[in-house]
Amino acid sequence: MSEEGALSYSDAIQKASASITRFPLTRVRGVPLMCLVANNWDSVWAFRPDPSDLLIATYPKAGTTWTQEIVDLLYHNGDAEACKRAPTPIRSPFLEICSPPPIPSGLDLLKTMDPPRIIKTHLPFQLVPPGFWENKCKTIYVARNAKDNMVSYYHFDCMNLTQPEPGPWEGYIHKFMRGECK
């Protein structure tokens, strides 16, 4: 851009990157969670799903989005056009996600939807709100080969500047095996 005062593309990217913060992890019941999730934990734990809600529970980078898309297609009898009604995170909210405004939290999105809802979580089962078990909600759990999962998650953490700093690969392997990634 040649106009005076306008940022070049690379300057704009650099400025945007500088404003992004890697969120630290905070332990909730012994499990490391991003601090924004931990700060909103009481609301997440208190969430009351409808008995018709479906929970897709996965470890990050284990095939969550594919599963969300498959389930949405099943709910709409394979009608791909019906599944284009909104982006995946709107059609299948991320239960515990909480970001600074103007991005709505998963709980805010869920309040606007009528059951049955497809709900995504990366919480381990011991942190899934008890309402899911009390209401006998159906759950789909997706697992991926741990080595493939770890490689994908490492590269995601390197790329996504809101994720905690992954550090060198050699240290990440041990952190992953100890369950210290979130």
N, C-alpha and C. Protein backbone atom coordinates (compact mmCIF):
# COMPACT_ATOMS: atom_id res chain seq x y z
N MET A 1 0.85 -1.18 0.00
CA MET A 1 0.00 0.00 0.00
C MET A 1 0.88 1.23 0.00
N SER A 2 0.57 2.14 -0.88
CA SER A 2 1.43 3.30 -0.98
C SER A 2 0.89 4.53 -0.28
N GLU A 3 -0.38 4.47 0.16
CA GLU A 3 -0.95 5.64 0.84
C GLU A 3 -0.21 5.89 2.14
N GLU A 4 0.03 7.16 2.41
CA GLU A 4 0.74 7.53 3.63
C GLU A 4 -0.08 7.10 4.84
N GLY A 5 0.55 6.50 5.80
CA GLY A 5 -0.12 6.08 7.03
C GLY A 5 -0.73 4.69 6.96
N ALA A 6 -0.82 4.11 5.78
CA ALA A 6 -1.39 2.77 5.65
C ALA A 6 -0.30 1.74 5.94
N LEU A 7 -0.69 0.66 6.59
CA LEU A 7 0.27 -0.40 6.90
C LEU A 7 0.44 -1.32 5.70
N SER A 8 1.66 -1.80 5.52
CA SER A 8 1.86 -2.84 4.51
C SER A 8 1.25 -4.12 5.06
N TYR A 9 1.05 -5.08 4.18
CA TYR A 9 0.48 -6.36 4.60
C TYR A 9 1.33 -6.99 5.70
N SER A 10 2.64 -7.03 5.51
CA SER A 10 3.52 -7.66 6.51
C SER A 10 3.51 -6.89 7.82
N ASP A 11 3.41 -5.54 7.75
CA ASP A 11 3.33 -4.75 8.98
C ASP A 11 2.03 -5.05 9.72
N ALA A 12 0.93 -5.20 8.95
CA ALA A 12 -0.37 -5.50 9.57
C ALA A 12 -0.33 -6.86 10.25
N ILE A 13 0.28 -7.85 9.60
CA ILE A 13 0.41 -9.19 10.19
C ILE A 13 1.25 -9.12 11.46
N GLN A 14 2.36 -8.40 11.39
CA GLN A 14 3.24 -8.28 12.56
C GLN A 14 2.51 -7.60 13.71
N LYS A 15 1.75 -6.55 13.41
CA LYS A 15 1.00 -5.85 14.45
C LYS A 15 -0.06 -6.76 15.06
N ALA A 16 -0.78 -7.50 14.22
CA ALA A 16 -1.80 -8.42 14.72
C ALA A 16 -1.17 -9.51 15.59
N SER A 17 -0.05 -10.06 15.13
CA SER A 17 0.63 -11.10 15.90
C SER A 17 1.10 -10.59 17.25
N ALA A 18 1.55 -9.35 17.29
CA ALA A 18 2.03 -8.77 18.55
C ALA A 18 0.90 -8.60 19.55
N SER A 19 -0.33 -8.47 19.06
CA SER A 19 -1.46 -8.27 19.97
C SER A 19 -2.04 -9.58 20.47
N ILE A 20 -1.63 -10.70 19.89
CA ILE A 20 -2.13 -12.01 20.31
C ILE A 20 -1.29 -12.48 21.49
N THR A 21 -1.97 -13.01 22.49
CA THR A 21 -1.29 -13.46 23.70
C THR A 21 -1.42 -14.96 23.87
N ARG A 22 -0.33 -15.61 24.17
CA ARG A 22 -0.40 -17.03 24.52
C ARG A 22 -0.96 -17.13 25.93
N PHE A 23 -2.09 -17.81 26.05
CA PHE A 23 -2.74 -17.92 27.35
C PHE A 23 -2.06 -18.98 28.20
N PRO A 24 -1.78 -18.68 29.46
CA PRO A 24 -1.16 -19.68 30.34
C PRO A 24 -2.19 -20.74 30.74
N LEU A 25 -1.68 -21.83 31.26
CA LEU A 25 -2.54 -22.90 31.76
C LEU A 25 -2.76 -22.73 33.25
N THR A 26 -3.96 -23.09 33.69
CA THR A 26 -4.32 -23.08 35.10
C THR A 26 -4.94 -24.44 35.41
N ARG A 27 -4.58 -25.02 36.53
CA ARG A 27 -5.13 -26.34 36.87
C ARG A 27 -6.52 -26.22 37.47
N VAL A 28 -7.42 -27.05 36.96
CA VAL A 28 -8.76 -27.20 37.51
C VAL A 28 -8.92 -28.67 37.86
N ARG A 29 -9.06 -28.95 39.14
CA ARG A 29 -9.16 -30.34 39.62
C ARG A 29 -8.02 -31.19 39.10
N GLY A 30 -6.82 -30.60 39.07
CA GLY A 30 -5.62 -31.31 38.65
C GLY A 30 -5.36 -31.34 37.16
N VAL A 31 -6.27 -30.81 36.35
CA VAL A 31 -6.14 -30.86 34.89
C VAL A 31 -5.76 -29.47 34.38
N PRO A 32 -4.70 -29.37 33.55
CA PRO A 32 -4.33 -28.05 33.02
C PRO A 32 -5.33 -27.59 31.96
N LEU A 33 -5.89 -26.39 32.17
CA LEU A 33 -6.81 -25.78 31.21
C LEU A 33 -6.32 -24.38 30.90
N MET A 34 -6.69 -23.87 29.73
CA MET A 34 -6.34 -22.49 29.41
C MET A 34 -6.97 -21.59 30.46
N CYS A 35 -6.26 -20.54 30.84
CA CYS A 35 -6.71 -19.69 31.94
C CYS A 35 -8.10 -19.11 31.70
N LEU A 36 -8.47 -18.78 30.46
CA LEU A 36 -9.80 -18.25 30.20
C LEU A 36 -10.88 -19.27 30.52
N VAL A 37 -10.61 -20.54 30.24
CA VAL A 37 -11.56 -21.61 30.58
C VAL A 37 -11.62 -21.76 32.10
N ALA A 38 -10.47 -21.79 32.73
CA ALA A 38 -10.41 -21.94 34.19
C ALA A 38 -11.13 -20.79 34.90
N ASN A 39 -10.99 -19.58 34.38
CA ASN A 39 -11.65 -18.42 34.99
C ASN A 39 -13.17 -18.48 34.85
N ASN A 40 -13.66 -19.24 33.90
CA ASN A 40 -15.09 -19.38 33.65
C ASN A 40 -15.60 -20.75 34.10
N TRP A 41 -14.79 -21.45 34.89
CA TRP A 41 -15.06 -22.85 35.21
C TRP A 41 -16.42 -23.06 35.88
N ASP A 42 -16.80 -22.23 36.82
CA ASP A 42 -18.07 -22.43 37.53
C ASP A 42 -19.26 -22.46 36.56
N SER A 43 -19.23 -21.60 35.55
CA SER A 43 -20.31 -21.58 34.55
C SER A 43 -20.29 -22.84 33.69
N VAL A 44 -19.10 -23.29 33.32
CA VAL A 44 -19.00 -24.51 32.51
C VAL A 44 -19.53 -25.69 33.32
N TRP A 45 -19.08 -25.82 34.56
CA TRP A 45 -19.48 -26.95 35.41
C TRP A 45 -20.98 -26.95 35.67
N ALA A 46 -21.59 -25.79 35.73
CA ALA A 46 -23.02 -25.67 36.01
C ALA A 46 -23.91 -25.89 34.78
N PHE A 47 -23.31 -26.03 33.60
CA PHE A 47 -24.10 -26.18 32.37
C PHE A 47 -25.04 -27.38 32.48
N ARG A 48 -26.30 -27.17 32.11
CA ARG A 48 -27.32 -28.22 32.15
C ARG A 48 -27.76 -28.54 30.72
N PRO A 49 -27.28 -29.63 30.16
CA PRO A 49 -27.69 -29.99 28.81
C PRO A 49 -29.11 -30.56 28.81
N ASP A 50 -29.72 -30.54 27.65
CA ASP A 50 -30.99 -31.19 27.45
C ASP A 50 -30.70 -32.69 27.24
N PRO A 51 -31.60 -33.58 27.66
CA PRO A 51 -31.35 -35.01 27.44
C PRO A 51 -31.15 -35.37 25.97
N SER A 52 -31.65 -34.56 25.04
CA SER A 52 -31.49 -34.86 23.61
C SER A 52 -30.16 -34.36 23.04
N ASP A 53 -29.38 -33.62 23.84
CA ASP A 53 -28.10 -33.11 23.36
C ASP A 53 -27.11 -34.25 23.14
N LEU A 54 -26.21 -34.06 22.20
CA LEU A 54 -25.17 -35.03 21.90
C LEU A 54 -23.82 -34.38 22.17
N LEU A 55 -22.97 -35.06 22.92
CA LEU A 55 -21.64 -34.55 23.26
C LEU A 55 -20.60 -35.28 22.42
N ILE A 56 -19.77 -34.50 21.72
CA ILE A 56 -18.62 -35.05 21.00
C ILE A 56 -17.40 -34.70 21.85
N ALA A 57 -16.80 -35.72 22.44
CA ALA A 57 -15.67 -35.54 23.36
C ALA A 57 -14.41 -36.10 22.72
N THR A 58 -13.40 -35.24 22.57
CA THR A 58 -12.15 -35.66 21.95
C THR A 58 -10.98 -34.97 22.64
N TYR A 59 -9.82 -35.55 22.49
CA TYR A 59 -8.60 -34.85 22.84
C TYR A 59 -8.34 -33.89 21.68
N PRO A 60 -7.75 -32.72 21.91
CA PRO A 60 -7.49 -31.80 20.80
C PRO A 60 -6.68 -32.47 19.68
N LYS A 61 -7.05 -32.16 18.46
CA LYS A 61 -6.38 -32.62 17.25
C LYS A 61 -6.58 -34.12 17.02
N ALA A 62 -7.72 -34.65 17.48
CA ALA A 62 -7.99 -36.08 17.33
C ALA A 62 -9.06 -36.39 16.29
N GLY A 63 -9.54 -35.39 15.57
CA GLY A 63 -10.57 -35.64 14.57
C GLY A 63 -11.91 -35.05 14.93
N THR A 64 -11.90 -34.05 15.78
CA THR A 64 -13.13 -33.43 16.28
C THR A 64 -13.97 -32.85 15.15
N THR A 65 -13.37 -32.05 14.30
CA THR A 65 -14.13 -31.35 13.25
C THR A 65 -14.75 -32.35 12.29
N TRP A 66 -14.02 -33.37 11.90
CA TRP A 66 -14.59 -34.40 11.02
C TRP A 66 -15.81 -35.02 11.67
N THR A 67 -15.69 -35.33 12.94
CA THR A 67 -16.81 -35.96 13.66
C THR A 67 -18.00 -35.02 13.73
N GLN A 68 -17.76 -33.74 14.01
CA GLN A 68 -18.84 -32.76 14.05
C GLN A 68 -19.57 -32.72 12.71
N GLU A 69 -18.81 -32.71 11.62
CA GLU A 69 -19.42 -32.65 10.29
C GLU A 69 -20.21 -33.92 9.97
N ILE A 70 -19.68 -35.08 10.31
CA ILE A 70 -20.37 -36.35 10.07
C ILE A 70 -21.68 -36.39 10.85
N VAL A 71 -21.64 -36.01 12.13
CA VAL A 71 -22.85 -36.03 12.96
C VAL A 71 -23.88 -35.04 12.43
N ASP A 72 -23.44 -33.86 12.03
CA ASP A 72 -24.39 -32.88 11.49
C ASP A 72 -25.03 -33.41 10.21
N LEU A 73 -24.25 -34.06 9.36
CA LEU A 73 -24.82 -34.67 8.15
C LEU A 73 -25.83 -35.75 8.52
N LEU A 74 -25.53 -36.56 9.52
CA LEU A 74 -26.47 -37.60 9.96
C LEU A 74 -27.77 -36.97 10.48
N TYR A 75 -27.65 -35.91 11.26
CA TYR A 75 -28.83 -35.21 11.79
C TYR A 75 -29.69 -34.62 10.68
N HIS A 76 -29.07 -34.33 9.54
CA HIS A 76 -29.79 -33.72 8.41
C HIS A 76 -29.93 -34.68 7.24
N ASN A 77 -29.93 -35.99 7.52
CA ASN A 77 -30.16 -37.03 6.51
C ASN A 77 -29.26 -36.88 5.29
N GLY A 78 -28.01 -36.50 5.51
CA GLY A 78 -27.05 -36.41 4.44
C GLY A 78 -27.18 -35.17 3.56
N ASP A 79 -28.01 -34.23 3.96
CA ASP A 79 -28.21 -33.01 3.17
C ASP A 79 -27.06 -32.04 3.42
N ALA A 80 -26.09 -32.05 2.49
CA ALA A 80 -24.90 -31.20 2.64
C ALA A 80 -25.25 -29.72 2.62
N GLU A 81 -26.30 -29.35 1.88
CA GLU A 81 -26.71 -27.94 1.83
C GLU A 81 -27.19 -27.47 3.20
N ALA A 82 -27.91 -28.31 3.92
CA ALA A 82 -28.39 -27.94 5.27
C ALA A 82 -27.21 -27.72 6.21
N CYS A 83 -26.12 -28.43 5.97
CA CYS A 83 -24.95 -28.32 6.83
C CYS A 83 -24.10 -27.10 6.50
N LYS A 84 -24.46 -26.37 5.46
CA LYS A 84 -23.74 -25.14 5.12
C LYS A 84 -24.41 -23.92 5.75
N ARG A 85 -25.38 -24.15 6.63
CA ARG A 85 -26.15 -23.05 7.21
C ARG A 85 -25.31 -22.12 8.08
N ALA A 86 -24.22 -22.62 8.62
CA ALA A 86 -23.34 -21.81 9.48
C ALA A 86 -22.00 -22.54 9.60
N PRO A 87 -20.94 -21.82 10.01
CA PRO A 87 -19.65 -22.48 10.25
C PRO A 87 -19.76 -23.54 11.36
N THR A 88 -18.88 -24.50 11.31
CA THR A 88 -18.90 -25.60 12.27
C THR A 88 -18.95 -25.13 13.73
N PRO A 89 -18.15 -24.13 14.16
CA PRO A 89 -18.20 -23.73 15.57
C PRO A 89 -19.54 -23.11 16.00
N ILE A 90 -20.33 -22.67 15.04
CA ILE A 90 -21.66 -22.13 15.36
C ILE A 90 -22.68 -23.26 15.42
N ARG A 91 -22.57 -24.23 14.50
CA ARG A 91 -23.50 -25.36 14.48
C ARG A 91 -23.25 -26.32 15.62
N SER A 92 -22.01 -26.41 16.07
CA SER A 92 -21.61 -27.35 17.11
C SER A 92 -20.69 -26.63 18.09
N PRO A 93 -21.27 -25.87 19.02
CA PRO A 93 -20.45 -25.03 19.92
C PRO A 93 -19.47 -25.84 20.78
N PHE A 94 -18.36 -25.17 21.06
CA PHE A 94 -17.27 -25.70 21.89
C PHE A 94 -17.63 -25.33 23.33
N LEU A 95 -18.13 -26.29 24.09
CA LEU A 95 -18.70 -26.07 25.42
C LEU A 95 -17.86 -25.14 26.29
N GLU A 96 -16.60 -25.44 26.48
CA GLU A 96 -15.80 -24.72 27.48
C GLU A 96 -15.07 -23.50 26.93
N ILE A 97 -15.11 -23.29 25.62
CA ILE A 97 -14.32 -22.19 25.07
C ILE A 97 -14.84 -20.84 25.55
N CYS A 98 -13.91 -19.98 25.86
CA CYS A 98 -14.24 -18.65 26.35
C CYS A 98 -13.14 -17.72 25.86
N SER A 99 -13.52 -16.73 25.09
CA SER A 99 -12.56 -15.78 24.52
C SER A 99 -12.96 -14.37 24.89
N PRO A 100 -12.04 -13.46 24.77
CA PRO A 100 -12.41 -12.05 25.02
C PRO A 100 -13.45 -11.60 24.00
N PRO A 101 -14.36 -10.70 24.38
CA PRO A 101 -15.34 -10.17 23.43
C PRO A 101 -14.63 -9.56 22.23
N PRO A 102 -15.23 -9.60 21.09
CA PRO A 102 -16.63 -9.87 20.78
C PRO A 102 -16.93 -11.33 20.47
N ILE A 103 -15.97 -12.23 20.62
CA ILE A 103 -16.20 -13.64 20.31
C ILE A 103 -17.09 -14.26 21.38
N PRO A 104 -18.23 -14.85 21.00
CA PRO A 104 -19.12 -15.45 22.01
C PRO A 104 -18.52 -16.73 22.57
N SER A 105 -18.80 -17.00 23.82
CA SER A 105 -18.34 -18.24 24.43
C SER A 105 -19.22 -19.39 23.93
N GLY A 106 -18.75 -20.59 24.15
CA GLY A 106 -19.56 -21.76 23.81
C GLY A 106 -20.87 -21.76 24.56
N LEU A 107 -20.83 -21.38 25.83
CA LEU A 107 -22.06 -21.33 26.63
C LEU A 107 -23.03 -20.29 26.09
N ASP A 108 -22.52 -19.14 25.63
CA ASP A 108 -23.40 -18.12 25.04
C ASP A 108 -24.07 -18.65 23.78
N LEU A 109 -23.32 -19.35 22.93
CA LEU A 109 -23.91 -19.90 21.71
C LEU A 109 -24.97 -20.95 22.04
N LEU A 110 -24.68 -21.80 23.02
CA LEU A 110 -25.62 -22.86 23.39
C LEU A 110 -26.95 -22.29 23.90
N LYS A 111 -26.90 -21.14 24.58
CA LYS A 111 -28.12 -20.51 25.08
C LYS A 111 -29.05 -20.09 23.95
N THR A 112 -28.50 -19.85 22.77
CA THR A 112 -29.31 -19.38 21.64
C THR A 112 -29.87 -20.52 20.80
N MET A 113 -29.50 -21.76 21.10
CA MET A 113 -29.88 -22.91 20.27
C MET A 113 -30.97 -23.74 20.94
N ASP A 114 -31.82 -24.31 20.11
CA ASP A 114 -32.83 -25.24 20.60
C ASP A 114 -32.27 -26.65 20.54
N PRO A 115 -32.60 -27.50 21.53
CA PRO A 115 -32.19 -28.90 21.47
C PRO A 115 -32.90 -29.61 20.31
N PRO A 116 -32.36 -30.68 19.80
CA PRO A 116 -31.10 -31.28 20.21
C PRO A 116 -29.91 -30.51 19.64
N ARG A 117 -28.87 -30.38 20.46
CA ARG A 117 -27.67 -29.66 20.06
C ARG A 117 -26.50 -30.63 19.98
N ILE A 118 -25.60 -30.35 19.08
CA ILE A 118 -24.34 -31.09 18.98
C ILE A 118 -23.31 -30.22 19.69
N ILE A 119 -22.71 -30.75 20.75
CA ILE A 119 -21.80 -29.97 21.59
C ILE A 119 -20.43 -30.62 21.57
N LYS A 120 -19.42 -29.80 21.36
CA LYS A 120 -18.02 -30.27 21.32
C LYS A 120 -17.35 -29.98 22.66
N THR A 121 -16.48 -30.89 23.10
CA THR A 121 -15.64 -30.62 24.26
C THR A 121 -14.30 -31.31 24.12
N HIS A 122 -13.28 -30.69 24.71
CA HIS A 122 -11.97 -31.32 24.86
C HIS A 122 -11.72 -31.64 26.33
N LEU A 123 -12.73 -31.51 27.16
CA LEU A 123 -12.56 -31.81 28.59
C LEU A 123 -12.42 -33.32 28.79
N PRO A 124 -11.54 -33.74 29.71
CA PRO A 124 -11.52 -35.17 30.06
C PRO A 124 -12.82 -35.50 30.78
N PHE A 125 -13.20 -36.76 30.76
CA PHE A 125 -14.51 -37.14 31.30
C PHE A 125 -14.75 -36.65 32.73
N GLN A 126 -13.71 -36.64 33.58
CA GLN A 126 -13.93 -36.22 34.96
C GLN A 126 -14.28 -34.74 35.08
N LEU A 127 -14.05 -33.95 34.02
CA LEU A 127 -14.40 -32.54 34.05
C LEU A 127 -15.66 -32.22 33.23
N VAL A 128 -16.24 -33.21 32.59
CA VAL A 128 -17.48 -32.97 31.85
C VAL A 128 -18.58 -32.66 32.88
N PRO A 129 -19.33 -31.59 32.67
CA PRO A 129 -20.37 -31.22 33.64
C PRO A 129 -21.30 -32.39 33.95
N PRO A 130 -21.65 -32.57 35.21
CA PRO A 130 -22.45 -33.73 35.62
C PRO A 130 -23.82 -33.81 34.95
N GLY A 131 -24.34 -32.70 34.46
CA GLY A 131 -25.63 -32.72 33.79
C GLY A 131 -25.66 -33.67 32.60
N PHE A 132 -24.51 -33.86 31.93
CA PHE A 132 -24.47 -34.79 30.79
C PHE A 132 -24.74 -36.22 31.25
N TRP A 133 -24.20 -36.59 32.42
CA TRP A 133 -24.41 -37.96 32.93
C TRP A 133 -25.80 -38.07 33.54
N GLU A 134 -26.22 -37.06 34.30
CA GLU A 134 -27.54 -37.08 34.93
C GLU A 134 -28.67 -37.14 33.91
N ASN A 135 -28.50 -36.47 32.77
CA ASN A 135 -29.53 -36.46 31.73
C ASN A 135 -29.33 -37.56 30.69
N LYS A 136 -28.33 -38.42 30.95
CA LYS A 136 -28.06 -39.55 30.07
C LYS A 136 -27.90 -39.13 28.60
N CYS A 137 -27.18 -38.05 28.40
CA CYS A 137 -26.92 -37.57 27.04
C CYS A 137 -26.03 -38.57 26.31
N LYS A 138 -26.27 -38.73 25.05
CA LYS A 138 -25.42 -39.58 24.24
C LYS A 138 -24.07 -38.88 24.05
N THR A 139 -23.00 -39.67 24.03
CA THR A 139 -21.66 -39.13 23.89
C THR A 139 -20.92 -39.93 22.82
N ILE A 140 -20.23 -39.21 21.95
CA ILE A 140 -19.32 -39.84 21.00
C ILE A 140 -17.92 -39.45 21.45
N TYR A 141 -17.11 -40.47 21.75
CA TYR A 141 -15.72 -40.21 22.13
C TYR A 141 -14.83 -40.60 20.95
N VAL A 142 -13.95 -39.70 20.56
CA VAL A 142 -13.05 -39.96 19.43
C VAL A 142 -11.62 -40.00 19.94
N ALA A 143 -10.90 -41.04 19.58
CA ALA A 143 -9.49 -41.16 19.92
C ALA A 143 -8.69 -41.31 18.63
N ARG A 144 -7.46 -40.90 18.68
CA ARG A 144 -6.57 -40.97 17.52
C ARG A 144 -5.27 -41.60 17.98
N ASN A 145 -4.57 -42.24 17.08
CA ASN A 145 -3.26 -42.78 17.41
C ASN A 145 -2.46 -41.70 18.13
N ALA A 146 -1.96 -42.02 19.31
CA ALA A 146 -1.32 -41.01 20.17
C ALA A 146 -0.13 -40.33 19.49
N LYS A 147 0.65 -41.07 18.71
CA LYS A 147 1.81 -40.45 18.04
C LYS A 147 1.34 -39.43 17.00
N ASP A 148 0.35 -39.80 16.21
CA ASP A 148 -0.18 -38.87 15.21
C ASP A 148 -0.80 -37.66 15.89
N ASN A 149 -1.53 -37.92 16.96
CA ASN A 149 -2.19 -36.85 17.71
C ASN A 149 -1.15 -35.85 18.24
N MET A 150 -0.09 -36.39 18.81
CA MET A 150 0.95 -35.53 19.41
C MET A 150 1.63 -34.66 18.35
N VAL A 151 1.95 -35.23 17.20
CA VAL A 151 2.60 -34.45 16.14
C VAL A 151 1.67 -33.33 15.67
N SER A 152 0.41 -33.66 15.45
CA SER A 152 -0.55 -32.66 15.00
C SER A 152 -0.72 -31.56 16.04
N TYR A 153 -0.83 -31.95 17.30
CA TYR A 153 -1.03 -30.97 18.38
C TYR A 153 0.19 -30.07 18.54
N TYR A 154 1.38 -30.64 18.40
CA TYR A 154 2.60 -29.84 18.51
C TYR A 154 2.62 -28.74 17.44
N HIS A 155 2.35 -29.12 16.21
CA HIS A 155 2.37 -28.13 15.12
C HIS A 155 1.24 -27.11 15.29
N PHE A 156 0.11 -27.54 15.81
CA PHE A 156 -0.98 -26.60 16.10
C PHE A 156 -0.55 -25.60 17.17
N ASP A 157 0.08 -26.09 18.23
CA ASP A 157 0.55 -25.20 19.30
C ASP A 157 1.60 -24.21 18.80
N CYS A 158 2.44 -24.65 17.87
CA CYS A 158 3.44 -23.74 17.30
C CYS A 158 2.77 -22.65 16.48
N MET A 159 1.74 -23.00 15.75
CA MET A 159 1.06 -22.07 14.84
C MET A 159 0.08 -21.15 15.57
N ASN A 160 -0.65 -21.69 16.52
CA ASN A 160 -1.72 -20.93 17.18
C ASN A 160 -1.15 -20.16 18.36
N LEU A 161 -1.03 -18.87 18.19
CA LEU A 161 -0.37 -18.05 19.20
C LEU A 161 -1.21 -17.81 20.46
N THR A 162 -2.42 -18.37 20.53
CA THR A 162 -3.17 -18.30 21.78
C THR A 162 -2.92 -19.54 22.63
N GLN A 163 -2.32 -20.56 22.03
CA GLN A 163 -1.99 -21.77 22.77
C GLN A 163 -0.73 -21.52 23.60
N PRO A 164 -0.55 -22.25 24.69
CA PRO A 164 0.69 -22.11 25.46
C PRO A 164 1.90 -22.41 24.58
N GLU A 165 3.00 -21.79 24.90
CA GLU A 165 4.25 -22.00 24.15
C GLU A 165 4.61 -23.49 24.21
N PRO A 166 4.75 -24.16 23.04
CA PRO A 166 5.02 -25.59 23.08
C PRO A 166 6.45 -25.95 23.46
N GLY A 167 7.38 -25.02 23.23
CA GLY A 167 8.78 -25.34 23.51
C GLY A 167 9.33 -26.28 22.44
N PRO A 168 10.53 -26.80 22.68
CA PRO A 168 11.14 -27.70 21.69
C PRO A 168 10.41 -29.05 21.65
N TRP A 169 10.49 -29.70 20.49
CA TRP A 169 9.83 -30.99 20.29
C TRP A 169 10.20 -32.01 21.37
N GLU A 170 11.49 -32.08 21.72
CA GLU A 170 11.94 -33.08 22.68
C GLU A 170 11.24 -32.91 24.04
N GLY A 171 11.03 -31.68 24.46
CA GLY A 171 10.33 -31.43 25.71
C GLY A 171 8.82 -31.63 25.58
N TYR A 172 8.30 -31.35 24.39
CA TYR A 172 6.85 -31.48 24.16
C TYR A 172 6.41 -32.94 24.29
N ILE A 173 7.24 -33.83 23.79
CA ILE A 173 6.91 -35.26 23.88
C ILE A 173 6.63 -35.63 25.34
N HIS A 174 7.50 -35.23 26.24
CA HIS A 174 7.35 -35.57 27.66
C HIS A 174 6.14 -34.86 28.27
N LYS A 175 5.94 -33.62 27.88
CA LYS A 175 4.78 -32.86 28.38
C LYS A 175 3.48 -33.54 27.93
N PHE A 176 3.44 -33.97 26.69
CA PHE A 176 2.26 -34.67 26.14
C PHE A 176 2.01 -35.96 26.91
N MET A 177 3.06 -36.74 27.13
CA MET A 177 2.91 -38.03 27.81
C MET A 177 2.47 -37.86 29.26
N ARG A 178 2.84 -36.74 29.89
CA ARG A 178 2.41 -36.48 31.28
C ARG A 178 1.02 -35.86 31.34
N GLY A 179 0.39 -35.59 30.19
CA GLY A 179 -0.95 -34.99 30.17
C GLY A 179 -0.93 -33.53 30.53
N GLU A 180 0.15 -32.82 30.19
CA GLU A 180 0.29 -31.41 30.55
C GLU A 180 0.01 -30.46 29.39
N CYS A 181 -0.58 -30.97 28.33
CA CYS A 181 -0.94 -30.11 27.18
C CYS A 181 -2.44 -29.85 27.24
N LYS A 182 -2.83 -28.66 26.94
CA LYS A 182 -4.26 -28.33 26.80
C LYS A 182 -4.33 -27.12 25.98
